Structures are given as C-alpha cells and as structure tokens.
C-alpha cells in the first residue's frame, strides 16, 4: 500500500515557514540594533567634533584677548575691527557659537550695588518683601563676621537646615547664589540661567553701559526698560565715552562718574554653544600679564543647560580679522 506524502510535506512547509519567520524577526532585530549603534556612534562623533571645535574657538579667543587692545568698542580699537563684548553671537569653528561679555557690563556680586541688584530682582519677578531678605543672606554669606543681619543667616541657620556653611568670602561664580538660604528657592531666577546671565562674581570695579545687557541697564537707579532700549540704540551707532554724554541722552541716572566706566574690564565671560550638543560651556577669564605661567587665567568654568542668550540669539556673524597689539605697546593695556 502506497502512503501519501502530502501530510509530511505540509508539516515540512509549516516548519520551514516558521524558521523563515524567526530568521526574518532576528534579522530585523539585529538590523535595528546595528542602525541604533550607527546612530549612537554618529552622535558621539558629532559631540566629539563639536568639543574639538569649541576648543579651537577658545584658543583663538584666549590668543586675541591677550594680544588685542581693549577699547570702548570692545576687543579692538575700531568699530570695524573690534569684537563686541556685549554678549552678541559670533560664529566660531565648525558649529560653535560664542558669546563674549565684558564683566564690567554685568551687575557685580563682589563689588555690590544693593539698589541695582534689588531692581534686577524686581524685574525678574521677586516680590518686594523678599528682596531685602535675599540681600541680607547674600551679605551674611560673604562677609567675614558672624553677626546676623535682620533677615540674614549665619552658620547656625545653615547647620539647622543641614546645608554647607557659608564660606564668609567672595563668591567665585554666580551659581553659588543657589547655596544661599532663600536664593535657590526663587525658581524664576534660574529658568534658562536668567540670573547668571546678568550678574558676575568677577573682581571688576565700575559699570560699563557700553557692554551691559538690557536687564542690567534697566536696573540702574533712575532707569527703566525704555531707557535701556534708548541706550542700546545709541551705543550701536557710537559708544559712550563719559557720563555727561549718557545723561544728555537719557537724563540723570543714579550712578556717579566714579561708578560709570565706559571701558571694558580685564576679565570677560565666554559662553560657547553648539547645535550638536545639548549643553553650553561657560568660562570666566581674567588677564594676568605679569603672571609667570600664562598671560590669562580661567577663574572658573562650568557646563550649563542652554542659556537664554543661546536660545534667543540672532544669526551669528564671523569674528573680525585679528589685529595684533603693537610690539611697542604696554602689555598691561
């Protein structure tokens, strides 16, 4: 009796189809893993290249900072050749975007002007009743005594909250404000790095209206956002050279001739961003022409989230051509 092979053939066909399905699923899985690995490697390569570009840009900035004269225009002696130090965007190497800010154009936390800081806090949405307390805790945090101000906090208050004790010394970075009682709780100050954009811990005396951002200009005693806009429009045409010239445009402001200096400080803030990485790098740089190791010093650097400057930046322009400091010039500027 001859048996039919149909049943056996159908079984083999089913097994074959199952095997093919498993192979197809496995191939799809491995193809997906390979594609993800390639994508990860590509992103890693992009980040590496972006960091190389940032390093190249930073070297160029440090070289120019040490070899280019400072003037009312910024880093350079003419409007055409100078790099502006008002935090405008410039194109660096590759996809790098850099922002250079004169420290004298910011509200200083070391050489403190309480009225300007209070006005700035008000602009940012801090209620009037909390501003005095924030200034008291800031002063208690940095002064050298243990005497607690009315709304301040000394070591005992920090111990009670389990917080690091005050250093009773100058701040090194604006982000240290978050360690001070009351400051970190004001979330409105830290959204998109708003407060660190406008304040500095650099040792820079005076205030420079030629390089100050709009918020700092509006925080001057007697000023407001409209006056700040007028100052920015006027300085784009020709920088201010003295206080009477500024008063002639906007009326009297609450800073005297000794406080208003229309020349950059010897320290700048460098911020770098790139579309290839999700963070920004920020450096505080000071000139040290008499130092043994280098003519510049990096006071601090920090990796931050995207800054409001980077998010709201206009299209960056190329850096002006470099014009070196003459050999016969005074190296201290």
Foldseek 3Di string as FASTA:
>chain_A
DDDDCPVVVVVVVVVVVVVVVVVVVVVVVVVVVVVVVVVVVVLVVLVVVQVVQVVQQVVVVQVQLQWFDFDLCGRHDDVQAHDHQQQAWAQTGDQKIKGKHFQLQFQELAPHDLQLVLLLVVVLPDDPVCSVLLVQQSQQLAAQDQDRDPNYDAQVVCVVVVADGRPNHQDLAPVCSCSTPPRVVPVSCCVLVNVSVHYGSDPDAAHALLRHDLSSQCSWAPHHSVLSVQSPVVVVVPFDQFDVVSCVRRNDTPDDRRRYHSIGDQKMKMKMDGPSDQWIKIWIKGACCPDPPDRMDTSDMDIGGRHPCNVPHDDHHHNRDRDGHDPPDDSVD
